[in-house]
Amino acid sequence: MATYECNECGMAVNATCAKCDASLVNDMLKIDESNQVQISKCPNNHGKIKSPTCCGKDMVCST
């Protein structure tokens, strides 16, 4: 399970898919040739979300 933690305050979250209850996995989404964004996605292809933020910054993923 991917755990996202805030480097500023230490808040941490785990996320699951509401459709199948599977743990979301960390991934990167390529935006264009030089840009990508961190995402969380369902391993059963139910979708993906922008990874969580806290204290105005993206949370860092540790698996």
Foldseek 3Di string as FASTA:
>chain_A
DKKFAAPPPGDIDWDADPVPRHTWDWDWADPDDPDIAIWTHHPVPPGIDGADDDPRGHTDIDD
